[in-house]
Amino acid sequence: MVKKEMIAMLLAGGQGSRLGVLTSKMAKPAVSFGGKYRIIDFPLSNCINSGVDTVGVLTQYQPLRLNSHIGIGIPWDLDRNIGGVSVLPPYEKIAKTDWYTGTANAIFQNIDYMESFNPEYVLILSGDHIYKMDYEVMLDFHKEKGADVTIAVMPVPMEEAKRFGIMITDEDRRITDFEEKPENPRSNLASMGIYIFNWSTLKEALLTNQDQSGLDFGKHIIPYCHDKGCPLYAYEFNGYWKDVGTLQSFWEANMELIDIVPEFNLYEEYWKIYTKAEILPPQYIADTGYVEKSIIGEGSNVYGQVINSVIGCGVTVGKDTVIRDSIIMNQTEIGNGCEINKAVVAESVSIGDGVKIGFGDEVDNETDPHIYNHGLVCIGERTVIPAGVTVGKNVCIFGETDASDYPDNVLPSGRTLNKNKAGDEQ
């Protein structure tokens, strides 16, 4: 029988609803990040850089883009005869067929997959965080402490602690108690949703709790292990870690990449971030083009100005166009004479000549103020914006729009223009 010391289970089924129209056609881990990457590239690259060569990726919501991106795992050197990467969607069983209903339920439904590798340890990861972490160091800590469960934690400012699951530990880092989003936190060690379990401990906890509705690690599995007296330890991580679950945090994390000395460096030799990349020609900056403090993806042609922005691959920026503080994803075409400020533009968007985006006063978004805020404009995948229109702030546009959607050639701040109600990728 195959025996692996540690295998990873990567939870990548999330819809990511707080990213708005960016995730209307794809799971959050498949969203573009930092030019040529996708969010899932980070945990996958961490795995192979940490010597973990067996990864099960659990998909559910809109999995098409994610599945084709991962393929057989070649970019991450995860195309192995034994192990490698496996995409694990929910599947039909003879009895009781279910979607994945919680983080631990998804793992429970793949117990046979894990069993087939007879691992000593199972690493549970989330597919939607941006960070670099050596899981081998965490495993060494787990072994050294004789832990059954090790939870990666990160110190957060005390005033923010109530937004997280908080671990309370003794001086040896053994977890004595934990609280989910406590009103008055007793510690500032926030769970990162990264766990190492002894396989025997995890298996028993999953089998015992399998009938809990929405079986979840934080709500059911961890408390069960704690109540049983299993040794639980907190592994403190002090590197860069970003949850890009909201449009604002997604925009901020991209903008941090273009600092002169970025806190998060995509180009370190010893800790490479791998991705599935098409073979594209190099970037082309025309005589009329100007680039300042930006990332420009391969195959992009810049005839205008790009300042403080992240531009994906195969993007065209027209002549006399000025882009500032924005994220423009792959294969988007931007016409001549445009001005784009603080926008997140998804893949394969077409923007006509003379379009102005991000102009006007800041007004709360009319449909989803909790998603579209901080003055950001969000434009969904394959959207078409006609020439000569002006778009305000906190605006969302999605679908093939035409001049009739912009009375007096204006879409005021705070508006949502969604013409993509019908039709779906799957």
Protein backbone atom coordinates (compact mmCIF):
# COMPACT_ATOMS: atom_id res chain seq x y z
CA MET A 1 0.00 0.00 0.00
CA VAL A 2 1.14 3.54 -0.78
CA LYS A 3 2.26 5.43 2.31
CA LYS A 4 2.66 9.20 2.40
CA GLU A 5 3.88 10.99 5.50
CA MET A 6 1.62 14.02 4.95
CA ILE A 7 -1.00 14.81 2.33
CA ALA A 8 -2.81 18.13 1.88
CA MET A 9 -6.53 18.74 1.42
CA LEU A 10 -7.17 22.15 -0.12
CA LEU A 11 -10.68 23.59 0.31
CA ALA A 12 -11.39 25.49 -2.90
CA GLY A 13 -15.17 25.27 -3.24
CA GLY A 14 -16.00 28.72 -1.94
CA GLN A 15 -18.22 31.10 -3.83
CA GLY A 16 -16.56 34.21 -2.43
CA SER A 17 -19.75 36.27 -2.58
CA ARG A 18 -18.05 39.34 -1.05
CA LEU A 19 -15.98 39.67 -4.23
CA GLY A 20 -19.22 40.51 -6.05
CA VAL A 21 -19.29 40.00 -9.80
CA LEU A 22 -15.66 38.79 -9.84
CA THR A 23 -16.92 35.41 -8.62
CA SER A 24 -20.26 35.23 -10.44
CA LYS A 25 -18.73 32.83 -12.99
CA MET A 26 -15.90 31.22 -11.05
CA ALA A 27 -14.87 30.04 -7.59
CA LYS A 28 -12.90 32.56 -5.54
CA PRO A 29 -9.62 30.57 -5.70
CA ALA A 30 -9.70 30.88 -9.53
CA VAL A 31 -9.79 34.70 -9.52
CA SER A 32 -6.74 36.39 -11.08
CA PHE A 33 -4.24 37.93 -8.69
CA GLY A 34 -1.04 39.92 -9.13
CA GLY A 35 -1.11 39.92 -12.93
CA LYS A 36 -0.49 36.39 -14.15
CA TYR A 37 -1.43 34.35 -11.07
CA ARG A 38 -4.65 33.00 -9.60
CA ILE A 39 -5.38 32.91 -5.87
CA ILE A 40 -5.08 29.11 -5.65
CA ASP A 41 -1.49 29.27 -6.99
CA PHE A 42 -0.29 30.40 -3.55
CA PRO A 43 -1.34 27.42 -1.39
CA LEU A 44 -0.45 25.01 -4.23
CA SER A 45 3.04 26.55 -4.56
CA ASN A 46 3.42 26.42 -0.76
CA CYS A 47 2.70 22.69 -0.91
CA ILE A 48 5.34 21.83 -3.48
CA ASN A 49 7.88 24.23 -1.90
CA SER A 50 7.25 22.48 1.44
CA GLY A 51 7.77 19.00 -0.01
CA VAL A 52 4.05 18.06 0.07
CA ASP A 53 3.47 16.27 -3.25
CA THR A 54 -0.04 14.88 -2.72
CA VAL A 55 -2.86 17.43 -2.77
CA GLY A 56 -6.61 16.88 -3.01
CA VAL A 57 -8.38 20.05 -4.23
CA LEU A 58 -12.02 20.09 -3.13
CA THR A 59 -14.11 22.07 -5.61
CA GLN A 60 -17.82 22.80 -5.71
CA TYR A 61 -18.99 26.24 -6.80
CA GLN A 62 -18.43 27.05 -10.51
CA PRO A 63 -15.44 24.70 -10.80
CA LEU A 64 -14.79 24.88 -14.56
CA ARG A 65 -12.09 27.59 -14.53
CA LEU A 66 -10.42 26.12 -11.48
CA ASN A 67 -10.35 22.59 -12.92
CA SER A 68 -8.86 23.70 -16.23
CA HIS A 69 -6.30 25.87 -14.42
CA ILE A 70 -5.11 23.03 -12.20
CA GLY A 71 -5.29 20.35 -14.92
CA ILE A 72 -2.94 17.52 -13.95
CA GLY A 73 -0.77 19.83 -11.87
CA ILE A 74 2.18 20.25 -14.24
CA PRO A 75 3.09 23.90 -13.33
CA TRP A 76 3.44 22.93 -9.66
CA ASP A 77 5.34 19.71 -10.42
CA LEU A 78 2.30 17.84 -9.09
CA ASP A 79 1.84 15.51 -12.07
CA ARG A 80 2.95 12.41 -10.16
CA ASN A 81 2.27 8.72 -10.75
CA ILE A 82 1.65 8.34 -7.03
CA GLY A 83 0.03 11.30 -5.35
CA GLY A 84 0.17 14.55 -7.28
CA VAL A 85 -2.88 16.79 -7.49
CA SER A 86 -6.45 15.46 -7.66
CA VAL A 87 -9.55 17.60 -8.17
CA LEU A 88 -12.30 16.28 -5.89
CA PRO A 89 -15.79 17.57 -6.71
CA PRO A 90 -18.85 16.20 -4.86
CA TYR A 91 -20.04 13.05 -6.60
CA GLU A 92 -23.11 10.84 -6.67
CA LYS A 93 -23.16 7.93 -4.26
CA ILE A 94 -25.62 5.05 -3.97
CA ALA A 95 -27.07 6.47 -0.78
CA LYS A 96 -27.50 10.04 0.42
CA THR A 97 -25.91 12.19 -2.25
CA ASP A 98 -24.89 15.58 -0.92
CA TRP A 99 -23.20 18.74 -1.89
CA TYR A 100 -20.38 19.64 0.48
CA THR A 101 -22.24 21.32 3.33
CA GLY A 102 -19.33 22.50 5.51
CA THR A 103 -15.54 22.53 5.53
CA ALA A 104 -15.27 19.27 7.45
CA ASN A 105 -18.13 17.64 5.58
CA ALA A 106 -16.17 18.15 2.33
CA ILE A 107 -13.19 16.38 3.93
CA PHE A 108 -15.42 13.63 5.33
CA GLN A 109 -16.85 12.89 1.87
CA ASN A 110 -13.29 12.21 0.66
CA ILE A 111 -12.24 9.86 3.44
CA ASP A 112 -11.53 7.07 0.89
CA TYR A 113 -9.20 9.35 -1.06
CA MET A 114 -7.18 10.11 2.08
CA GLU A 115 -7.23 6.48 3.21
CA SER A 116 -5.70 5.41 -0.11
CA PHE A 117 -2.43 7.18 0.83
CA ASN A 118 -2.38 5.83 4.39
CA PRO A 119 -0.91 9.15 5.63
CA GLU A 120 0.42 9.81 9.09
CA TYR A 121 -0.66 13.45 8.90
CA VAL A 122 -3.26 15.44 6.98
CA LEU A 123 -2.79 19.14 6.27
CA ILE A 124 -6.04 21.10 5.80
CA LEU A 125 -5.75 24.32 3.78
CA SER A 126 -8.01 27.05 2.50
CA GLY A 127 -7.77 27.97 -1.19
CA ASP A 128 -8.33 31.68 -0.84
CA HIS A 129 -5.46 33.26 1.09
CA ILE A 130 -2.31 34.97 -0.17
CA TYR A 131 0.77 33.92 1.79
CA LYS A 132 4.02 31.92 1.75
CA MET A 133 4.41 29.30 4.43
CA ASP A 134 6.66 26.30 4.89
CA TYR A 135 4.29 23.57 6.04
CA GLU A 136 7.28 21.35 6.84
CA VAL A 137 8.30 23.69 9.67
CA MET A 138 4.73 23.49 11.01
CA LEU A 139 4.88 19.68 10.80
CA ASP A 140 8.18 19.64 12.73
CA PHE A 141 6.48 21.73 15.45
CA HIS A 142 3.51 19.32 15.45
CA LYS A 143 5.80 16.31 15.94
CA GLU A 144 8.00 18.01 18.52
CA LYS A 145 4.96 18.87 20.67
CA GLY A 146 3.42 15.41 20.32
CA ALA A 147 0.24 17.12 19.11
CA ASP A 148 -2.86 15.44 17.71
CA VAL A 149 -3.95 18.70 16.11
CA THR A 150 -1.89 21.80 15.32
CA ILE A 151 -3.64 25.02 14.30
CA ALA A 152 -1.70 27.78 12.55
CA VAL A 153 -2.37 31.10 14.27
CA MET A 154 -1.38 34.65 13.62
CA PRO A 155 -1.16 37.48 16.14
CA VAL A 156 -3.67 40.22 15.23
CA PRO A 157 -4.26 43.61 16.89
CA MET A 158 -6.42 43.07 19.98
CA GLU A 159 -9.13 45.41 18.66
CA GLU A 160 -9.50 43.22 15.54
CA ALA A 161 -9.49 39.90 17.41
CA LYS A 162 -13.29 39.75 17.63
CA ARG A 163 -13.48 39.13 13.88
CA PHE A 164 -11.63 35.80 14.13
CA GLY A 165 -11.64 32.42 15.78
CA ILE A 166 -9.27 33.04 18.72
CA MET A 167 -7.01 30.45 20.41
CA ILE A 168 -6.11 30.73 24.09
CA THR A 169 -2.84 28.94 24.91
CA ASP A 170 -0.54 28.22 27.84
CA GLU A 171 3.16 29.14 27.83
CA ASP A 172 3.97 25.94 25.92
CA ARG A 173 1.53 26.96 23.12
CA ARG A 174 -0.92 24.20 24.07
CA ILE A 175 -4.46 25.34 23.32
CA THR A 176 -6.48 25.52 26.53
CA ASP A 177 -9.59 27.16 25.07
CA PHE A 178 -10.89 28.85 21.94
CA GLU A 179 -13.61 31.32 21.09
CA GLU A 180 -15.34 32.02 17.80
CA LYS A 181 -15.47 35.80 17.13
CA PRO A 182 -15.53 36.73 20.84
CA GLU A 183 -16.95 40.07 21.98
CA ASN A 184 -14.19 40.37 24.64
CA PRO A 185 -11.20 38.39 23.33
CA ARG A 186 -8.82 36.84 25.87
CA SER A 187 -6.02 36.43 23.32
CA ASN A 188 -4.94 37.84 19.97
CA LEU A 189 -3.96 34.55 18.32
CA ALA A 190 -6.30 34.22 15.33
CA SER A 191 -6.83 30.89 13.59
CA MET A 192 -5.66 30.96 9.96
CA GLY A 193 -7.79 27.97 8.97
CA ILE A 194 -4.65 25.87 8.44
CA TYR A 195 -4.59 22.61 10.41
CA ILE A 196 -2.34 19.56 10.73
CA PHE A 197 -4.12 16.48 12.09
CA ASN A 198 -2.80 13.05 12.93
CA TRP A 199 -4.75 10.99 10.42
CA SER A 200 -6.11 8.63 13.08
CA THR A 201 -7.42 11.61 15.10
CA LEU A 202 -9.02 13.28 12.07
CA LYS A 203 -10.63 10.08 10.82
CA GLU A 204 -12.18 9.28 14.18
CA ALA A 205 -13.47 12.86 14.61
CA LEU A 206 -15.02 12.88 11.12
CA LEU A 207 -16.71 9.48 11.54
CA THR A 208 -18.07 10.33 14.98
CA ASN A 209 -19.48 13.70 13.89
CA GLN A 210 -20.53 12.84 10.34
CA ASP A 211 -24.24 13.45 10.99
CA GLN A 212 -23.79 17.03 12.23
CA SER A 213 -25.44 19.41 9.81
CA GLY A 214 -22.92 21.66 8.00
CA LEU A 215 -20.02 19.74 9.56
CA ASP A 216 -17.33 22.35 10.18
CA PHE A 217 -13.79 22.34 11.62
CA GLY A 218 -14.23 25.40 13.83
CA LYS A 219 -17.70 24.48 15.10
CA HIS A 220 -17.50 20.69 15.40
CA ILE A 221 -14.19 18.91 14.75
CA ILE A 222 -11.81 21.11 16.78
CA PRO A 223 -14.19 21.33 19.81
CA TYR A 224 -14.69 17.53 19.64
CA CYS A 225 -10.92 16.90 19.71
CA HIS A 226 -10.50 19.42 22.53
CA ASP A 227 -13.30 17.91 24.64
CA LYS A 228 -11.77 14.46 24.20
CA GLY A 229 -8.52 15.73 25.68
CA CYS A 230 -6.46 15.45 22.47
CA PRO A 231 -3.31 17.61 22.66
CA LEU A 232 -4.05 20.71 20.54
CA TYR A 233 -1.24 23.17 19.83
CA ALA A 234 -1.03 26.62 18.22
CA TYR A 235 1.74 27.18 15.67
CA GLU A 236 2.47 30.90 15.43
CA PHE A 237 3.05 32.31 11.94
CA ASN A 238 4.50 35.81 11.58
CA GLY A 239 4.88 36.17 7.83
CA TYR A 240 2.66 37.97 5.31
CA TRP A 241 -0.88 36.55 5.18
CA LYS A 242 -3.83 38.18 3.50
CA ASP A 243 -7.44 37.06 3.33
CA VAL A 244 -8.59 38.48 0.00
CA GLY A 245 -12.24 37.79 0.71
CA THR A 246 -13.53 41.31 0.10
CA LEU A 247 -13.15 43.56 -2.91
CA GLN A 248 -11.30 46.14 -0.79
CA SER A 249 -8.81 43.61 0.69
CA PHE A 250 -8.34 42.06 -2.79
CA TRP A 251 -7.54 45.50 -4.24
CA GLU A 252 -5.21 46.34 -1.31
CA ALA A 253 -3.28 43.05 -1.59
CA ASN A 254 -2.71 43.68 -5.31
CA MET A 255 -1.60 47.26 -4.66
CA GLU A 256 0.90 46.07 -2.03
CA LEU A 257 2.67 44.02 -4.72
CA ILE A 258 3.82 47.18 -6.50
CA ASP A 259 5.51 48.85 -3.54
CA ILE A 260 9.18 49.56 -4.29
CA VAL A 261 10.12 46.92 -1.71
CA PRO A 262 6.94 44.83 -1.52
CA GLU A 263 6.17 43.16 1.79
CA PHE A 264 5.10 40.17 -0.28
CA ASN A 265 7.65 39.38 -3.00
CA LEU A 266 6.37 37.29 -5.90
CA TYR A 267 9.84 36.75 -7.32
CA GLU A 268 11.94 35.12 -4.61
CA GLU A 269 14.23 32.48 -6.08
CA TYR A 270 13.98 30.09 -3.15
CA TRP A 271 10.18 30.22 -2.82
CA LYS A 272 8.76 30.41 -6.31
CA ILE A 273 5.08 30.94 -6.99
CA TYR A 274 4.08 28.65 -9.86
CA THR A 275 1.13 29.09 -12.18
CA LYS A 276 -0.31 27.74 -15.39
CA ALA A 277 1.02 30.27 -17.88
CA GLU A 278 0.31 30.52 -21.56
CA ILE A 279 3.29 31.10 -23.81
CA LEU A 280 3.00 34.79 -24.64
CA PRO A 281 5.30 37.40 -26.19
CA PRO A 282 6.93 39.91 -23.80
CA GLN A 283 5.20 43.12 -22.76
CA TYR A 284 5.27 45.92 -25.33
CA ILE A 285 5.49 49.54 -24.19
CA ALA A 286 5.03 51.85 -27.21
CA ASP A 287 6.81 55.20 -27.71
CA THR A 288 3.59 56.85 -26.54
CA GLY A 289 3.40 54.54 -23.51
CA TYR A 290 4.51 55.29 -19.96
CA VAL A 291 4.60 52.93 -16.97
CA GLU A 292 5.24 53.90 -13.35
CA LYS A 293 5.25 51.58 -10.31
CA SER A 294 3.13 48.88 -11.95
CA ILE A 295 3.10 45.20 -12.85
CA ILE A 296 2.53 44.56 -16.56
CA GLY A 297 1.71 40.98 -17.61
CA GLU A 298 3.20 39.20 -20.60
CA GLY A 299 1.61 39.77 -23.98
CA SER A 300 0.22 43.18 -22.93
CA ASN A 301 0.52 46.23 -25.19
CA VAL A 302 0.68 49.65 -23.52
CA TYR A 303 0.14 52.72 -25.74
CA GLY A 304 -1.05 54.98 -22.88
CA GLN A 305 -0.05 55.60 -19.26
CA VAL A 306 -0.20 53.03 -16.45
CA ILE A 307 0.47 54.35 -12.94
CA ASN A 308 0.38 52.37 -9.69
CA SER A 309 -1.60 49.51 -11.23
CA VAL A 310 -1.55 45.75 -11.80
CA ILE A 311 -2.11 44.76 -15.43
CA GLY A 312 -2.66 41.10 -16.35
CA CYS A 313 -1.57 39.21 -19.48
CA GLY A 314 -2.71 40.02 -23.02
CA VAL A 315 -4.19 43.41 -22.06
CA THR A 316 -4.30 46.35 -24.50
CA VAL A 317 -4.12 49.90 -23.11
CA GLY A 318 -5.01 52.42 -25.84
CA LYS A 319 -3.23 55.63 -26.78
CA ASP A 320 -3.78 58.68 -24.52
CA THR A 321 -5.43 56.42 -21.92
CA VAL A 322 -4.44 56.91 -18.26
CA ILE A 323 -4.92 54.07 -15.74
CA ARG A 324 -4.30 54.74 -12.04
CA ASP A 325 -4.59 52.62 -8.88
CA SER A 326 -6.40 49.87 -10.78
CA ILE A 327 -6.36 46.13 -11.42
CA ILE A 328 -6.93 45.13 -15.05
CA MET A 329 -7.19 41.36 -15.58
CA ASN A 330 -6.15 39.20 -18.54
CA GLN A 331 -7.24 39.79 -22.14
CA THR A 332 -9.05 43.08 -21.46
CA GLU A 333 -9.12 45.72 -24.22
CA ILE A 334 -9.16 49.39 -23.24
CA GLY A 335 -9.69 51.97 -26.00
CA ASN A 336 -7.97 55.28 -26.68
CA GLY A 337 -8.35 58.41 -24.55
CA CYS A 338 -9.80 56.68 -21.48
CA GLU A 339 -9.27 57.61 -17.82
CA ILE A 340 -9.59 54.80 -15.29
CA ASN A 341 -9.20 55.42 -11.55
CA LYS A 342 -9.36 52.84 -8.76
CA ALA A 343 -11.14 50.12 -10.72
CA VAL A 344 -11.09 46.33 -10.59
CA VAL A 345 -11.67 45.16 -14.16
CA ALA A 346 -12.18 41.41 -14.66
CA GLU A 347 -11.00 39.27 -17.59
CA SER A 348 -11.92 39.78 -21.26
CA VAL A 349 -13.65 43.15 -20.75
CA SER A 350 -14.00 45.58 -23.65
CA ILE A 351 -13.94 49.32 -22.86
CA GLY A 352 -14.62 51.78 -25.72
CA ASP A 353 -12.73 54.98 -26.54
CA GLY A 354 -13.02 58.02 -24.28
CA VAL A 355 -14.52 56.18 -21.28
CA LYS A 356 -14.00 57.76 -17.85
CA ILE A 357 -14.25 55.44 -14.83
CA GLY A 358 -14.14 56.39 -11.14
CA PHE A 359 -15.26 60.04 -11.40
CA GLY A 360 -17.63 61.91 -9.09
CA ASP A 361 -18.63 61.88 -5.44
CA GLU A 362 -18.56 58.78 -3.30
CA VAL A 363 -22.10 57.48 -2.80
CA ASP A 364 -23.12 54.18 -1.21
CA ASN A 365 -23.84 51.44 -3.74
CA GLU A 366 -27.59 50.99 -4.24
CA THR A 367 -27.71 47.18 -4.21
CA ASP A 368 -24.65 45.88 -2.33
CA PRO A 369 -22.97 48.62 -0.27
CA HIS A 370 -21.19 45.91 1.78
CA ILE A 371 -19.42 44.71 -1.41
CA TYR A 372 -18.88 47.78 -3.60
CA ASN A 373 -17.36 50.47 -1.39
CA HIS A 374 -14.19 52.49 -0.66
CA GLY A 375 -14.70 54.26 -4.00
CA LEU A 376 -13.87 51.15 -6.06
CA VAL A 377 -15.48 50.44 -9.42
CA CYS A 378 -15.92 46.74 -10.23
CA ILE A 379 -16.44 45.51 -13.78
CA GLY A 380 -17.40 41.85 -14.33
CA GLU A 381 -15.95 39.40 -16.81
CA ARG A 382 -16.68 39.87 -20.54
CA THR A 383 -18.45 43.17 -19.86
CA VAL A 384 -18.72 45.63 -22.76
CA ILE A 385 -18.73 49.37 -22.03
CA PRO A 386 -19.56 51.66 -24.98
CA ALA A 387 -17.41 54.64 -26.00
CA GLY A 388 -17.72 58.07 -24.44
CA VAL A 389 -19.43 57.26 -21.15
CA THR A 390 -18.53 58.43 -17.63
CA VAL A 391 -18.86 56.07 -14.65
CA GLY A 392 -18.95 57.17 -10.98
CA LYS A 393 -17.51 55.52 -7.85
CA ASN A 394 -18.78 52.48 -5.89
CA VAL A 395 -20.25 51.23 -9.15
CA CYS A 396 -20.69 47.68 -10.43
CA ILE A 397 -21.10 46.94 -14.17
CA PHE A 398 -21.63 43.46 -15.56
CA GLY A 399 -22.70 42.28 -19.01
CA GLU A 400 -22.89 43.68 -22.53
CA THR A 401 -24.04 47.25 -22.01
CA ASP A 402 -24.80 49.82 -24.70
CA ALA A 403 -25.30 53.58 -24.89
CA SER A 404 -28.98 53.29 -23.86
CA ASP A 405 -27.85 52.05 -20.41
CA TYR A 406 -26.09 55.37 -19.76
CA PRO A 407 -28.60 58.29 -19.83
CA ASP A 408 -26.70 61.45 -20.83
CA ASN A 409 -23.65 59.17 -21.21
CA VAL A 410 -23.33 58.88 -17.42
CA LEU A 411 -23.66 56.08 -14.85
CA PRO A 412 -23.66 57.95 -11.52
CA SER A 413 -21.80 56.88 -8.38
CA GLY A 414 -23.37 54.07 -6.36
CA ARG A 415 -25.21 52.45 -9.27
CA THR A 416 -25.32 48.75 -10.20
CA LEU A 417 -25.75 47.91 -13.88
CA ASN A 418 -26.10 44.14 -14.24
CA LYS A 419 -27.22 42.82 -17.60
CA ASN A 420 -25.89 39.35 -16.98
CA LYS A 421 -28.83 37.83 -15.12
CA ALA A 422 -29.18 34.97 -17.60
CA GLY A 423 -26.59 32.57 -18.93
CA ASP A 424 -23.95 30.79 -16.93
CA GLU A 425 -20.57 29.27 -17.43
CA GLN A 426 -21.50 25.77 -16.35
